[in-house]
């Protein structure tokens, strides 16, 4: 998980080493540094630099860490389920692999989230005059979900996915506002540029990404990371959204706690406003029961 999150920020040769490791981490404990360097088309010195770049002292420590990680995965029964979906997988295996990827994304995201940074983001958003959320593609759905949550508790918020609208929105933000960019890769030009403009205007900027050294982190005051990877048939695209939504839910609850009374009133008001549009509801919004129908 750590290697994947750091991948975009590694040098080209180090990225080749990373891919060799990620392609088959279980075998690294049985391979020498010379074999790994040869497989990556680079030198032993580069392998050592790669180890230090991901936070381990050297190749021996990397081998131990990967062996331990492989053992934990095997104990959870994840060796087979953690692989890519293949064209020959039947629907039963597809269901198992997708659900496993989603559950793992939530678990690993919760395990690595920085609580101190999460708290700083909650504080900034709870006191913000306005929150603009940026995301394109799959991240646009997460942005819309976040905006709807904030709107329900009476916080002024907008979600944008069109490049021009994102930029014009960011251009009118100020020091009392927050620009929130969502990008799984952290390299989506539209979102990165919108966050850059928001920061130039003095707004507090937040990035939600799976890659802690990606371009979006360079224009963010606060970086929140998720743990999800994209795989064959983009099953991970679902996992990445679920990981993002996990962080969004944590932020939403934190913000709600800061405005408990007003948020509670707003939630009740919004619930009552749509209650009559549910099938089986009485004119006063309460659900019909056999007793009330008599």
Protein backbone atom coordinates (compact mmCIF):
# COMPACT_ATOMS: atom_id res chain seq x y z
CA UNK A 1 0.00 0.00 0.00
CA UNK A 2 2.81 2.40 0.88
CA UNK A 3 4.69 1.61 -2.33
CA UNK A 4 1.62 2.23 -4.48
CA UNK A 5 0.91 5.55 -2.78
CA UNK A 6 4.48 6.77 -3.35
CA UNK A 7 4.83 5.46 -6.90
CA UNK A 8 4.20 8.72 -8.83
CA UNK A 9 6.87 10.57 -6.84
CA UNK A 10 9.64 8.03 -7.45
CA UNK A 11 12.37 8.44 -10.06
CA UNK A 12 11.85 6.48 -13.30
CA UNK A 13 14.37 3.77 -12.39
CA UNK A 14 12.89 3.48 -8.90
CA UNK A 15 9.43 3.11 -10.43
CA UNK A 16 10.68 0.10 -12.39
CA UNK A 17 11.91 -1.45 -9.14
CA UNK A 18 8.52 -0.70 -7.56
CA UNK A 19 6.68 -2.47 -10.36
CA UNK A 20 8.89 -5.55 -10.00
CA UNK A 21 8.06 -5.61 -6.30
CA UNK A 22 4.34 -4.98 -6.77
CA UNK A 23 4.00 -7.56 -9.55
CA UNK A 24 4.93 -10.38 -7.18
CA UNK A 25 5.70 -9.20 -3.63
CA UNK A 26 5.51 -12.73 -2.22
CA UNK A 27 8.68 -13.80 -4.07
CA UNK A 28 10.87 -10.85 -3.04
CA UNK A 29 11.91 -12.54 0.21
CA UNK A 30 13.49 -15.31 -1.91
CA UNK A 31 15.22 -13.01 -4.43
CA UNK A 32 18.55 -11.27 -4.05
CA UNK A 33 19.03 -7.56 -4.59
CA UNK A 34 20.98 -8.44 -7.73
CA UNK A 35 18.03 -10.39 -9.16
CA UNK A 36 15.59 -7.57 -8.44
CA UNK A 37 17.93 -5.00 -10.00
CA UNK A 38 18.29 -7.15 -13.12
CA UNK A 39 14.52 -7.64 -13.40
CA UNK A 40 14.03 -3.87 -13.18
CA UNK A 41 16.83 -3.16 -15.66
CA UNK A 42 18.72 -1.05 -13.16
CA UNK A 43 21.49 -1.20 -10.54
CA UNK A 44 21.66 -2.47 -6.97
CA UNK A 45 22.29 1.11 -5.87
CA UNK A 46 18.94 2.13 -7.36
CA UNK A 47 17.20 -0.69 -5.49
CA UNK A 48 18.73 0.63 -2.25
CA UNK A 49 17.59 4.18 -3.11
CA UNK A 50 14.10 2.81 -3.76
CA UNK A 51 14.07 1.17 -0.34
CA UNK A 52 14.99 4.43 1.39
CA UNK A 53 12.44 6.36 -0.69
CA UNK A 54 9.62 4.18 0.65
CA UNK A 55 10.83 4.45 4.24
CA UNK A 56 12.88 1.29 4.87
CA UNK A 57 16.58 1.28 5.62
CA UNK A 58 17.61 -1.15 2.90
CA UNK A 59 16.83 -4.27 0.90
CA UNK A 60 17.00 -6.73 3.84
CA UNK A 61 14.34 -4.73 5.71
CA UNK A 62 12.20 -4.60 2.55
CA UNK A 63 12.34 -8.39 2.22
CA UNK A 64 11.27 -8.83 5.85
CA UNK A 65 8.43 -6.32 5.54
CA UNK A 66 7.09 -7.90 2.36
CA UNK A 67 7.33 -11.40 3.83
CA UNK A 68 5.32 -10.26 6.86
CA UNK A 69 2.76 -8.53 4.66
CA UNK A 70 2.41 -11.63 2.49
CA UNK A 71 1.87 -13.77 5.59
CA UNK A 72 -0.84 -11.44 6.86
CA UNK A 73 -2.57 -11.52 3.48
CA UNK A 74 -2.41 -15.32 3.39
CA UNK A 75 -3.87 -15.50 6.91
CA UNK A 76 -6.82 -13.39 5.76
CA UNK A 77 -7.26 -15.63 2.72
CA UNK A 78 -6.53 -12.70 0.42
CA UNK A 79 -3.84 -14.21 -1.78
CA UNK A 80 -6.35 -15.38 -4.41
CA UNK A 81 -9.04 -12.75 -3.86
CA UNK A 82 -6.53 -9.90 -3.93
CA UNK A 83 -5.54 -10.59 -7.52
CA UNK A 84 -6.85 -9.01 -10.68
CA UNK A 85 -10.16 -10.05 -12.22
CA UNK A 86 -9.43 -12.16 -15.28
CA UNK A 87 -11.55 -12.81 -18.39
CA UNK A 88 -12.03 -16.42 -17.24
CA UNK A 89 -13.37 -15.57 -13.76
CA UNK A 90 -16.95 -16.70 -13.30
CA UNK A 91 -19.50 -14.37 -11.69
CA UNK A 92 -19.04 -15.98 -8.29
CA UNK A 93 -15.33 -15.11 -8.32
CA UNK A 94 -16.08 -11.63 -9.66
CA UNK A 95 -18.39 -10.99 -6.71
CA UNK A 96 -15.79 -12.30 -4.26
CA UNK A 97 -12.94 -10.25 -5.73
CA UNK A 98 -14.91 -7.02 -6.03
CA UNK A 99 -16.33 -7.27 -2.50
CA UNK A 100 -12.90 -8.16 -1.12
CA UNK A 101 -11.30 -5.17 -2.88
CA UNK A 102 -14.00 -2.85 -1.55
CA UNK A 103 -13.73 -4.13 2.03
CA UNK A 104 -9.93 -3.96 1.92
CA UNK A 105 -10.05 -0.39 0.59
CA UNK A 106 -12.17 0.73 3.54
CA UNK A 107 -10.06 -1.17 6.09
CA UNK A 108 -6.71 0.04 4.76
CA UNK A 109 -7.94 3.61 4.28
CA UNK A 110 -9.10 3.74 7.89
CA UNK A 111 -5.81 2.23 9.04
CA UNK A 112 -3.59 4.79 7.35
CA UNK A 113 -5.61 7.99 7.63
CA UNK A 114 -3.76 10.76 9.49
CA UNK A 115 -6.11 11.73 12.34
CA UNK A 116 -4.29 15.00 13.04
CA UNK A 117 -4.65 16.17 9.43
CA UNK A 118 -8.25 14.94 9.35
CA UNK A 119 -8.96 17.11 12.39
CA UNK A 120 -7.33 20.14 10.78
CA UNK A 121 -9.49 19.69 7.69
CA UNK A 122 -12.63 19.34 9.81
CA UNK A 123 -11.75 22.58 11.64
CA UNK A 124 -11.14 24.43 8.37
CA UNK A 125 -14.36 23.23 6.76
CA UNK A 126 -16.48 23.71 9.86
CA UNK A 127 -15.52 27.39 9.99
CA UNK A 128 -15.47 28.02 6.22
CA UNK A 129 -17.80 30.54 4.66
CA UNK A 130 -18.03 28.34 1.58
CA UNK A 131 -16.70 24.96 0.45
CA UNK A 132 -16.16 24.21 -3.24
CA UNK A 133 -15.53 20.56 -4.11
CA UNK A 134 -13.77 19.62 -7.35
CA UNK A 135 -13.68 16.24 -9.09
CA UNK A 136 -14.03 14.85 -12.59
CA UNK A 137 -14.93 11.39 -13.86
CA UNK A 138 -15.59 8.93 -11.03
CA UNK A 139 -14.42 11.52 -8.48
CA UNK A 140 -17.24 13.83 -9.59
CA UNK A 141 -19.76 11.45 -8.03
CA UNK A 142 -17.88 11.56 -4.73
CA UNK A 143 -17.74 15.37 -4.93
CA UNK A 144 -21.51 15.52 -5.50
CA UNK A 145 -22.10 13.22 -2.53
CA UNK A 146 -19.96 15.43 -0.27
CA UNK A 147 -21.71 18.60 -1.43
CA UNK A 148 -25.13 17.07 -0.80
CA UNK A 149 -24.10 16.02 2.71
CA UNK A 150 -22.79 19.50 3.56
CA UNK A 151 -25.87 21.14 2.06
CA UNK A 152 -28.14 19.00 4.24
CA UNK A 153 -26.62 20.42 7.42
CA UNK A 154 -26.84 23.99 6.19
CA UNK A 155 -23.22 24.49 5.09
CA UNK A 156 -22.74 26.51 1.89
CA UNK A 157 -21.12 24.16 -0.59
CA UNK A 158 -20.86 23.56 -4.32
CA UNK A 159 -19.59 20.61 -6.36
CA UNK A 160 -18.06 21.24 -9.77
CA UNK A 161 -16.85 18.88 -12.50
CA UNK A 162 -16.70 21.12 -15.60
CA UNK A 163 -13.19 22.53 -16.09
CA UNK A 164 -14.24 26.09 -16.89
CA UNK A 165 -16.76 26.24 -14.04
CA UNK A 166 -14.21 24.77 -11.62
CA UNK A 167 -11.70 27.47 -12.53
CA UNK A 168 -14.20 30.34 -12.33
CA UNK A 169 -15.45 28.99 -9.00
CA UNK A 170 -11.91 28.79 -7.62
CA UNK A 171 -11.16 32.32 -8.82
CA UNK A 172 -13.81 33.85 -6.55
CA UNK A 173 -12.86 31.98 -3.39
CA UNK A 174 -11.16 33.84 -0.55
CA UNK A 175 -9.25 33.29 2.69
CA UNK A 176 -12.43 32.29 4.55
CA UNK A 177 -13.24 29.53 2.06
CA UNK A 178 -12.09 25.97 1.34
CA UNK A 179 -11.27 24.36 -2.01
CA UNK A 180 -11.48 20.56 -1.83
CA UNK A 181 -10.02 18.51 -4.70
CA UNK A 182 -10.72 14.79 -5.19
CA UNK A 183 -8.52 12.71 -7.50
CA UNK A 184 -7.62 9.04 -7.10
CA UNK A 185 -4.40 9.44 -9.11
CA UNK A 186 -3.74 12.98 -7.94
CA UNK A 187 -2.74 13.80 -11.50
CA UNK A 188 -6.04 14.96 -13.02
CA UNK A 189 -5.11 18.27 -14.64
CA UNK A 190 -8.55 19.86 -14.25
CA UNK A 191 -8.72 19.24 -10.50
CA UNK A 192 -5.10 20.16 -9.86
CA UNK A 193 -5.47 23.44 -11.74
CA UNK A 194 -8.69 24.36 -9.91
CA UNK A 195 -7.03 23.74 -6.56
CA UNK A 196 -4.01 25.79 -7.62
CA UNK A 197 -6.24 28.78 -8.48
CA UNK A 198 -8.15 28.40 -5.18
CA UNK A 199 -4.86 28.47 -3.28
CA UNK A 200 -3.68 31.55 -5.16
CA UNK A 201 -6.88 33.31 -4.08
CA UNK A 202 -6.06 32.58 -0.44
CA UNK A 203 -8.49 29.72 0.15
CA UNK A 204 -7.50 26.74 2.29
CA UNK A 205 -6.95 23.83 -0.08
CA UNK A 206 -7.45 20.14 0.63
CA UNK A 207 -6.57 17.16 -1.57
CA UNK A 208 -8.06 13.67 -1.29
CA UNK A 209 -5.94 11.18 -3.27
CA UNK A 210 -4.42 7.71 -3.16
CA UNK A 211 -0.93 8.97 -4.02
CA UNK A 212 0.82 11.07 -1.40
CA UNK A 213 3.46 12.39 -3.83
CA UNK A 214 1.19 13.16 -6.76
CA UNK A 215 0.89 16.62 -8.40
CA UNK A 216 -2.28 17.56 -6.52
CA UNK A 217 -0.42 17.43 -3.20
CA UNK A 218 1.81 20.28 -4.36
CA UNK A 219 -1.16 22.69 -4.43
CA UNK A 220 -2.84 21.46 -1.22
CA UNK A 221 -2.45 22.83 2.30
CA UNK A 222 -3.77 19.54 3.68
CA UNK A 223 -3.51 16.09 2.08
CA UNK A 224 -5.78 13.18 2.97
CA UNK A 225 -4.93 9.81 1.45
CA UNK A 226 -6.96 6.72 0.64
CA UNK A 227 -5.80 3.16 0.09
CA UNK A 228 -7.19 1.60 -3.08
CA UNK A 229 -5.72 0.34 -6.31
CA UNK A 230 -7.20 0.04 -9.77
CA UNK A 231 -7.04 -3.37 -11.39
CA UNK A 232 -8.13 -5.19 -14.52
CA UNK A 233 -11.65 -4.19 -15.66
CA UNK A 234 -11.28 -1.21 -13.30
CA UNK A 235 -12.73 -3.09 -10.33
CA UNK A 236 -10.51 -0.83 -8.27
CA UNK A 237 -12.33 2.22 -9.63
CA UNK A 238 -15.21 1.15 -7.42
CA UNK A 239 -12.85 0.49 -4.53
CA UNK A 240 -11.26 3.92 -4.90
CA UNK A 241 -14.67 5.61 -4.72
CA UNK A 242 -15.61 3.61 -1.64
CA UNK A 243 -12.29 4.54 -0.02
CA UNK A 244 -12.93 8.21 -0.84
CA UNK A 245 -16.47 8.02 0.53
CA UNK A 246 -15.10 6.55 3.76
CA UNK A 247 -12.99 9.68 4.31
CA UNK A 248 -15.88 11.91 3.21
CA UNK A 249 -18.19 10.32 5.79
CA UNK A 250 -15.60 10.88 8.52
CA UNK A 251 -15.26 14.54 7.53
CA UNK A 252 -19.03 14.99 7.39
CA UNK A 253 -19.54 13.57 10.87
CA UNK A 254 -16.68 15.68 12.23
CA UNK A 255 -18.18 18.84 10.76
CA UNK A 256 -21.64 17.90 12.04
CA UNK A 257 -20.22 17.53 15.55
CA UNK A 258 -18.86 21.09 15.35
CA UNK A 259 -22.37 22.39 14.53
CA UNK A 260 -24.44 19.81 16.37
CA UNK A 261 -27.58 21.81 17.19
CA UNK A 262 -27.91 23.60 13.84
CA UNK A 263 -26.98 20.42 11.95
CA UNK A 264 -29.58 18.40 13.84
CA UNK A 265 -32.26 20.98 13.06
CA UNK A 266 -31.23 21.09 9.40
CA UNK A 267 -31.29 17.29 9.08
CA UNK A 268 -34.77 17.15 10.62
CA UNK A 269 -36.00 19.93 8.34
CA UNK A 270 -34.62 18.30 5.20
CA UNK A 271 -36.06 14.93 6.23
CA UNK A 272 -39.48 16.44 6.79
CA UNK A 273 -39.32 18.32 3.47
CA UNK A 274 -39.06 15.13 1.44
CA UNK A 275 -41.04 12.82 3.73
CA UNK A 276 -44.31 13.18 1.80
CA UNK A 277 -42.55 12.00 -1.37
CA UNK A 278 -42.02 8.52 0.02
CA UNK A 279 -44.49 5.81 -0.92
CA UNK A 280 -46.71 4.87 1.99
CA UNK A 281 -46.24 8.19 3.80
CA UNK A 282 -49.16 10.04 5.39
CA UNK A 283 -49.79 13.71 4.49
CA UNK A 284 -47.97 14.73 7.70
CA UNK A 285 -44.90 12.83 6.52
CA UNK A 286 -45.24 9.93 8.94
CA UNK A 287 -45.21 6.43 7.49
CA UNK A 288 -48.58 4.69 7.35
CA UNK A 289 -49.06 1.67 9.55
CA UNK A 290 -51.95 -0.76 9.88
CA UNK A 291 -52.96 1.02 13.07
CA UNK A 292 -52.95 4.55 11.54
CA UNK A 293 -54.76 3.38 8.42
CA UNK A 294 -57.83 2.19 10.37
